[in-house]
Protein backbone atom coordinates (compact mmCIF):
# COMPACT_ATOMS: atom_id res chain seq x y z
CA MET A 1 50.28 129.39 -2.81
CA ALA A 2 48.21 130.22 0.22
CA ILE A 3 44.71 129.59 1.57
CA THR A 4 42.35 131.85 -0.38
CA PRO A 5 39.59 133.87 1.30
CA GLU A 6 37.01 131.52 -0.25
CA GLU A 7 38.83 128.44 1.04
CA ARG A 8 39.21 130.07 4.44
CA ALA A 9 35.44 130.60 4.64
CA PHE A 10 34.80 127.02 3.56
CA VAL A 11 37.18 125.53 6.12
CA ARG A 12 35.68 127.66 8.89
CA GLU A 13 32.16 126.48 8.03
CA ALA A 14 32.85 122.82 7.12
CA ASP A 15 35.37 122.15 9.92
CA PRO A 16 37.06 119.22 8.12
CA TRP A 17 38.77 116.50 10.15
CA GLY A 18 42.12 117.17 8.51
CA LEU A 19 44.13 118.59 5.63
CA ILE A 20 46.08 116.81 2.90
CA VAL A 21 48.77 118.69 0.95
CA PHE A 22 50.18 118.00 -2.51
CA LYS A 23 53.14 119.10 -4.58
CA ARG A 24 51.01 121.85 -6.12
CA ASN A 25 50.57 123.35 -2.64
CA ILE A 26 54.26 123.37 -1.78
CA ARG A 27 56.90 125.90 -2.81
CA ASP A 28 59.30 126.01 0.13
CA LYS A 29 59.45 125.35 3.86
CA GLU A 30 58.28 128.78 4.99
CA GLN A 31 55.31 128.84 2.61
CA ILE A 32 53.94 125.36 3.37
CA THR A 33 54.45 125.86 7.11
CA LYS A 34 52.35 129.04 6.88
CA ILE A 35 49.55 127.18 5.06
CA ILE A 36 49.52 124.50 7.76
CA ASP A 37 49.60 127.03 10.60
CA ASP A 38 46.79 129.03 8.95
CA PHE A 39 44.67 125.90 8.56
CA LYS A 40 45.13 124.97 12.21
CA SER A 41 44.20 128.50 13.23
CA ILE A 42 41.01 128.46 11.15
CA VAL A 43 39.75 125.13 12.54
CA GLY A 44 40.93 125.98 16.03
CA ARG A 45 42.45 122.56 16.70
CA SER A 46 46.17 122.31 17.33
CA ASP A 47 46.09 118.52 16.90
CA VAL A 48 44.30 118.60 13.52
CA PRO A 49 45.92 115.92 11.31
CA VAL A 50 47.88 117.16 8.31
CA LEU A 51 48.50 114.47 5.69
CA VAL A 52 50.80 114.00 2.72
CA ASP A 53 51.79 111.21 0.31
CA GLN A 54 55.52 110.94 0.94
CA GLU A 55 56.57 107.46 -0.09
CA GLY A 56 59.79 108.05 -1.97
CA GLY A 57 60.40 107.10 -5.58
CA ARG A 58 57.62 108.18 -7.92
CA VAL A 59 55.31 109.34 -5.14
CA GLN A 60 56.99 112.12 -3.22
CA ARG A 61 55.33 115.52 -2.67
CA LEU A 62 58.39 117.03 -0.98
CA GLY A 63 61.64 116.78 -2.89
CA PRO A 64 64.86 118.49 -3.97
CA PRO A 65 66.11 121.15 -3.64
CA ASN A 66 64.38 121.74 -0.29
CA TRP A 67 64.04 118.13 0.85
CA PRO A 68 65.92 114.88 0.16
CA LYS A 69 64.68 112.41 -2.43
CA TYR A 70 63.97 108.98 -0.98
CA PRO A 71 64.04 105.59 -2.73
CA ALA A 72 61.06 103.63 -3.96
CA GLY A 73 59.83 100.72 -1.87
CA ALA A 74 61.41 98.18 -4.24
CA VAL A 75 64.86 99.37 -3.14
CA TYR A 76 64.17 98.19 0.41
CA ALA A 77 62.95 94.89 -1.02
CA ARG A 78 66.25 94.36 -2.85
CA ILE A 79 68.25 95.09 0.29
CA PHE A 80 65.98 92.71 2.22
CA ASP A 81 66.64 89.96 -0.30
CA ARG A 82 70.38 90.24 0.39
CA ASP A 83 70.05 90.71 4.13
CA PRO A 84 66.60 90.87 5.81
CA ALA A 85 67.91 92.67 8.89
CA LYS A 86 69.52 95.40 6.76
CA GLY A 87 66.38 95.64 4.64
CA ARG A 88 64.26 96.25 7.73
CA ALA A 89 66.81 98.69 9.12
CA ALA A 90 66.94 100.69 5.87
CA ALA A 91 63.15 100.83 5.63
CA ARG A 92 62.71 101.92 9.24
CA LEU A 93 65.48 104.51 9.09
CA GLY A 94 64.26 105.90 5.77
CA ALA A 95 60.80 106.36 7.25
CA ARG A 96 62.29 107.94 10.38
CA LEU A 97 64.09 110.51 8.22
CA ILE A 98 60.93 111.20 6.22
CA ALA A 99 59.12 111.77 9.51
CA ALA A 100 61.74 114.32 10.53
CA ASP A 101 61.23 116.20 7.27
CA LEU A 102 57.46 116.19 7.70
CA LEU A 103 57.20 117.01 11.39
CA ALA A 104 59.42 120.06 10.93
CA LEU A 105 56.65 121.47 8.72
CA GLY A 106 53.73 120.48 10.92
CA ILE A 107 52.79 117.45 8.80
CA THR A 108 51.74 114.70 11.19
CA VAL A 109 50.39 111.89 8.97
CA ASP A 110 52.07 110.13 6.04
CA CYS A 111 49.99 108.01 3.65
CA LEU A 112 52.45 105.15 3.96
CA PRO A 113 53.14 102.19 4.11
CA LEU A 114 51.72 100.23 1.20
CA ALA A 115 51.00 96.56 1.68
CA ASP A 116 49.99 96.02 -1.95
CA VAL A 117 51.41 92.85 -3.52
CA PRO A 118 51.93 93.33 -7.28
CA VAL A 119 51.58 90.43 -9.71
CA SER A 120 52.82 89.92 -13.24
CA GLY A 121 50.59 91.68 -15.76
CA ALA A 122 49.16 94.17 -13.26
CA ASP A 123 49.04 97.88 -13.99
CA ALA A 124 52.28 99.70 -13.17
CA VAL A 125 50.56 102.16 -10.81
CA ILE A 126 51.94 100.15 -7.87
CA GLY A 127 55.03 98.61 -9.48
CA ASP A 128 58.23 99.63 -7.73
CA ARG A 129 56.28 101.36 -4.96
CA ALA A 130 55.72 97.90 -3.47
CA TYR A 131 58.07 96.10 -1.07
CA GLY A 132 58.16 92.96 -3.16
CA ASP A 133 55.79 90.27 -4.40
CA ASN A 134 55.84 88.03 -1.34
CA PRO A 135 53.10 88.84 1.23
CA ALA A 136 55.27 88.04 4.25
CA LYS A 137 58.14 90.22 3.04
CA VAL A 138 55.76 93.05 2.12
CA ALA A 139 54.20 92.93 5.59
CA ASP A 140 57.62 92.82 7.24
CA LEU A 141 58.93 95.89 5.42
CA ALA A 142 55.62 97.75 5.75
CA ALA A 143 55.78 97.19 9.51
CA ALA A 144 59.33 98.58 9.59
CA ILE A 145 58.26 101.70 7.70
CA ALA A 146 55.25 102.23 9.95
CA ALA A 147 57.53 101.91 12.97
CA GLY A 148 59.99 104.42 11.54
CA LEU A 149 57.28 106.99 10.98
CA ARG A 150 55.96 106.52 14.50
CA ASP A 151 59.51 106.79 15.89
CA GLY A 152 59.51 110.25 14.33
CA GLY A 153 56.15 111.36 15.70
CA VAL A 154 54.24 110.85 12.44
CA LEU A 155 51.24 108.57 12.02
CA PRO A 156 51.29 105.97 9.22
CA VAL A 157 48.33 105.19 6.95
CA LEU A 158 48.09 101.59 5.77
CA LYS A 159 47.09 101.43 2.10
CA HIS A 160 45.46 100.38 -0.22
CA LEU A 161 43.02 98.11 1.63
CA PRO A 162 42.39 95.31 0.74
CA GLY A 163 45.05 95.42 -2.00
CA HIS A 164 45.80 97.26 -5.24
CA GLY A 165 48.69 95.12 -6.46
CA ARG A 166 46.62 92.82 -8.67
CA ALA A 167 44.66 95.62 -10.38
CA THR A 168 45.01 95.85 -14.14
CA ALA A 169 44.10 99.54 -14.25
CA ASP A 170 45.17 102.73 -12.49
CA SER A 171 42.24 103.78 -10.28
CA HIS A 172 43.13 107.42 -10.87
CA LEU A 173 41.99 106.84 -14.46
CA ARG A 174 39.37 104.06 -14.43
CA LEU A 175 37.87 101.34 -12.26
CA PRO A 176 40.10 98.27 -11.80
CA VAL A 177 38.33 94.91 -11.67
CA VAL A 178 40.02 91.84 -10.12
CA ASN A 179 38.51 88.44 -10.96
CA THR A 180 40.77 86.33 -8.74
CA ASP A 181 39.08 83.77 -6.47
CA ARG A 182 38.75 84.56 -2.77
CA ALA A 183 41.01 81.77 -1.53
CA THR A 184 43.89 83.08 -3.63
CA LEU A 185 43.23 86.65 -2.50
CA GLU A 186 43.24 85.60 1.15
CA ALA A 187 46.54 83.77 0.70
CA THR A 188 48.28 86.63 -1.14
CA ASP A 189 46.85 90.15 -1.46
CA PHE A 190 44.85 90.13 1.78
CA ALA A 191 47.50 88.20 3.71
CA ALA A 192 49.99 91.08 3.51
CA PHE A 193 47.63 93.40 5.39
CA ARG A 194 46.65 91.11 8.27
CA PRO A 195 49.87 91.53 10.31
CA LEU A 196 49.41 95.32 10.03
CA ALA A 197 45.77 95.42 11.12
CA LYS A 198 46.44 97.28 14.37
CA LEU A 199 47.88 100.38 12.70
CA PRO A 200 45.79 103.41 13.67
CA LEU A 201 44.84 104.54 10.14
CA GLY A 202 43.99 102.76 6.90
CA MET A 203 42.97 103.75 3.37
CA THR A 204 40.64 101.86 1.05
CA ALA A 205 41.25 100.94 -2.58
CA HIS A 206 38.95 101.82 -5.47
CA VAL A 207 39.12 98.24 -6.76
CA VAL A 208 36.34 95.72 -7.48
CA PHE A 209 36.94 92.14 -6.31
CA THR A 210 34.30 90.17 -8.19
CA ALA A 211 34.62 87.04 -6.04
CA ILE A 212 33.33 89.03 -3.06
CA ASP A 213 31.38 92.00 -4.44
CA PRO A 214 30.98 91.93 -8.22
CA VAL A 215 29.64 95.50 -8.42
CA SER A 216 31.15 97.95 -5.94
CA PRO A 217 34.82 98.82 -5.38
CA ALA A 218 36.10 98.28 -1.85
CA THR A 219 35.67 101.96 -0.97
CA THR A 220 31.91 101.82 -1.49
CA SER A 221 31.29 98.14 -0.70
CA VAL A 222 29.67 97.23 2.61
CA THR A 223 30.73 93.62 2.06
CA MET A 224 34.38 94.42 1.39
CA ILE A 225 34.70 96.74 4.38
CA ARG A 226 32.67 94.66 6.84
CA ASP A 227 33.68 91.14 5.84
CA VAL A 228 37.19 91.60 4.47
CA ILE A 229 38.82 94.77 5.84
CA ARG A 230 37.20 94.79 9.28
CA GLY A 231 36.50 91.05 9.36
CA PHE A 232 39.11 88.84 7.71
CA MET A 233 41.93 91.37 8.04
CA GLY A 234 40.90 92.60 11.48
CA VAL A 235 41.53 96.29 10.77
CA ASP A 236 40.10 98.28 13.67
CA GLY A 237 41.61 101.75 13.15
CA LEU A 238 40.20 104.79 11.40
CA LEU A 239 39.33 103.92 7.81
CA MET A 240 39.54 106.62 5.16
CA SER A 241 38.70 106.39 1.50
CA ASP A 242 41.21 106.97 -1.22
CA ASP A 243 40.54 110.21 -3.12
CA VAL A 244 36.84 110.31 -4.05
CA SER A 245 37.60 112.52 -7.06
CA MET A 246 39.48 109.68 -8.81
CA ASN A 247 37.93 108.37 -12.02
CA ALA A 248 37.49 104.83 -10.69
CA LEU A 249 34.38 105.97 -8.81
CA SER A 250 31.12 106.83 -10.55
CA GLY A 251 28.33 109.27 -9.78
CA SER A 252 28.57 112.83 -8.53
CA ILE A 253 31.07 113.76 -5.85
CA GLY A 254 28.23 113.91 -3.35
CA GLU A 255 27.00 110.44 -4.36
CA ARG A 256 30.50 108.99 -4.09
CA THR A 257 30.90 110.52 -0.65
CA ARG A 258 27.60 109.16 0.63
CA ALA A 259 28.39 105.71 -0.79
CA ALA A 260 31.79 105.60 0.94
CA PHE A 261 30.31 106.53 4.30
CA ALA A 262 27.41 104.11 3.85
CA ALA A 263 29.89 101.31 3.14
CA GLY A 264 31.78 101.92 6.37
CA CYS A 265 34.46 104.53 5.74
CA ASP A 266 34.96 106.81 8.73
CA VAL A 267 36.24 109.79 6.70
CA VAL A 268 36.75 110.47 3.00
CA LEU A 269 39.63 112.07 1.17
CA HIS A 270 39.02 114.68 -1.51
CA CYS A 271 42.21 115.75 -3.22
CA ASN A 272 41.80 117.77 -6.43
CA GLY A 273 41.40 121.11 -4.65
CA LYS A 274 38.23 122.16 -6.49
CA LEU A 275 36.22 124.27 -4.08
CA ASP A 276 32.79 123.36 -5.49
CA GLU A 277 33.59 119.67 -5.07
CA MET A 278 34.90 120.21 -1.54
CA GLN A 279 31.62 121.91 -0.70
CA ALA A 280 29.67 118.96 -2.13
CA VAL A 281 31.74 116.49 -0.12
CA ALA A 282 31.18 118.47 3.07
CA ALA A 283 27.45 118.66 2.41
CA ALA A 284 27.23 114.89 1.91
CA ALA A 285 29.42 113.93 4.87
CA PRO A 286 27.76 113.00 8.16
CA LYS A 287 28.91 114.40 11.47
CA LEU A 288 31.94 112.56 12.85
CA GLU A 289 30.44 110.75 15.83
CA GLY A 290 29.97 107.33 17.41
CA ALA A 291 32.44 104.60 16.50
CA ALA A 292 34.02 106.73 13.77
CA ALA A 293 34.72 109.54 16.23
CA ARG A 294 36.19 107.08 18.71
CA ARG A 295 38.49 105.64 16.06
CA ALA A 296 39.51 109.15 14.98
CA ALA A 297 40.33 110.12 18.57
CA ALA A 298 42.26 106.89 19.11
CA ALA A 299 44.29 107.49 15.95
CA LEU A 300 45.31 110.98 17.01
CA LYS A 301 46.15 109.73 20.50
CA ALA A 302 48.42 107.09 18.97
CA ARG A 303 50.82 109.75 17.70
CA GLY A 304 53.63 110.11 20.19
CA ALA A 305 56.52 112.52 20.50
CA PRO A 306 59.48 111.85 18.22
CA ASP A 307 62.44 110.02 19.66
CA LYS A 308 65.79 111.76 19.85
CA ILE A 309 67.95 111.35 16.79
CA ASP A 310 71.18 112.74 15.38
CA LEU A 311 69.89 113.53 11.90
CA ALA A 312 73.30 114.03 10.31
CA ALA A 313 74.53 110.68 11.61
CA ALA A 314 71.24 108.98 10.68
CA ARG A 315 71.45 110.26 7.10
CA LYS A 316 74.99 108.90 6.80
CA GLU A 317 73.86 105.54 8.15
CA PHE A 318 70.93 105.50 5.75
CA ALA A 319 73.15 106.30 2.78
CA ALA A 320 75.46 103.45 3.78
CA LEU A 321 72.56 100.99 4.00
CA LEU A 322 71.34 102.06 0.58
CA ALA A 323 74.83 101.87 -0.94
CA ALA A 324 75.16 98.33 0.35
CA GLY A 325 71.95 97.57 -1.51
CA GLY A 326 73.09 99.32 -4.70
CA ALA A 327 71.04 102.51 -4.24
CA GLU A 328 71.62 106.07 -3.07
CA ILE A 329 69.74 109.02 -1.66
CA ALA A 330 69.73 112.36 -3.43
CA SER A 331 69.87 115.64 -1.52
C-alpha cells in the first residue's frame, strides 16, 4: 500500500487540492504516514489537507489494533439525555482524542460532525451515526465534536448538507428522494445545520428534496446550494461534494464533476481510487480560483495548533464518561 508510479505522475500533473484516505489505504502507522508524506512531497505543499472519515461506530477508517475504536454518535446522544453537560463533554473529548490519533499521522481534516436528523422509516445509512432525532440536540453535540477536533488541530467537515437523515435510500447505492414540504424541512432537517454554519468546511448530500428542486440532488442543484445551503442555512465555508463516484449521481464521472461545480461546490471528492476516473475528474474540474480559492485558503488558515493534553489522563476521563452513559471504548 503505497503511491504507485502512475498515481505519482497523476498527482504531480493534476495538483489536487487534497487527499482523502480510506481503510484500504491503511495498514499501520508507518505505512500511512509514508503515503501522506509522499503525497505532500509530490504536490509541494506542506499544508495540503489530508482527509479521512473517522466518526466512530460503523464509520471508522482507523481502528484496532493500531488505533482505538470510538463510539457511534448515538452513544453521545444517550449520555446527553441523562446529563447534557456530560454528553457535550464526552463528545468534545472523544473528538479531541480522535484528532490526536489523526494529527500524529499527518491527517488534518476529519469528515465529521454529522448534523443529519434521522426520522422513523428512513434508511439506516445514518441511523446510530446521528446525535439524536432532535435538531437542537444534534446541533449541540455536533458543535461539541467540531470543537474537540479543532482543539486537537484538526479541521471538521460539516455533513451531509442540507440533511441525509430523512432519506429512504443509501446514496452510495441509489438516489434518495425526499418529498417532505419545505416548512417541515426548515424546522427539522435544515434547522440542525444553521447553528453550525460558520464551520470552515462542509459536504453536500446526494439527496433530492422535491419541494425545492424536484430533479437534482443537493450536490448538483444550484437552487439547493444557493438558496438553502448558502442562503437559508448561511453556510459560508468551503463546500465540497460527497463522493462523486457514488451511485446516487448519474452521468459519467466527468459530467457529475462538472454538474457539482456548476451548482456551486468549491471542490469535489472522488473516493474509489480508480485512476481513470481520477483523471476524468481532474480534466473536468476548473482551476481553484476566485471565491472558491478564498474559501479554501480561509479553511486552511482556520486550522490552529493543537492544545496541550495529557492523552493518558484524557483517555481515562473519556472512558469514565462513556461508562457513566453505559458505553465503553475499545483499544
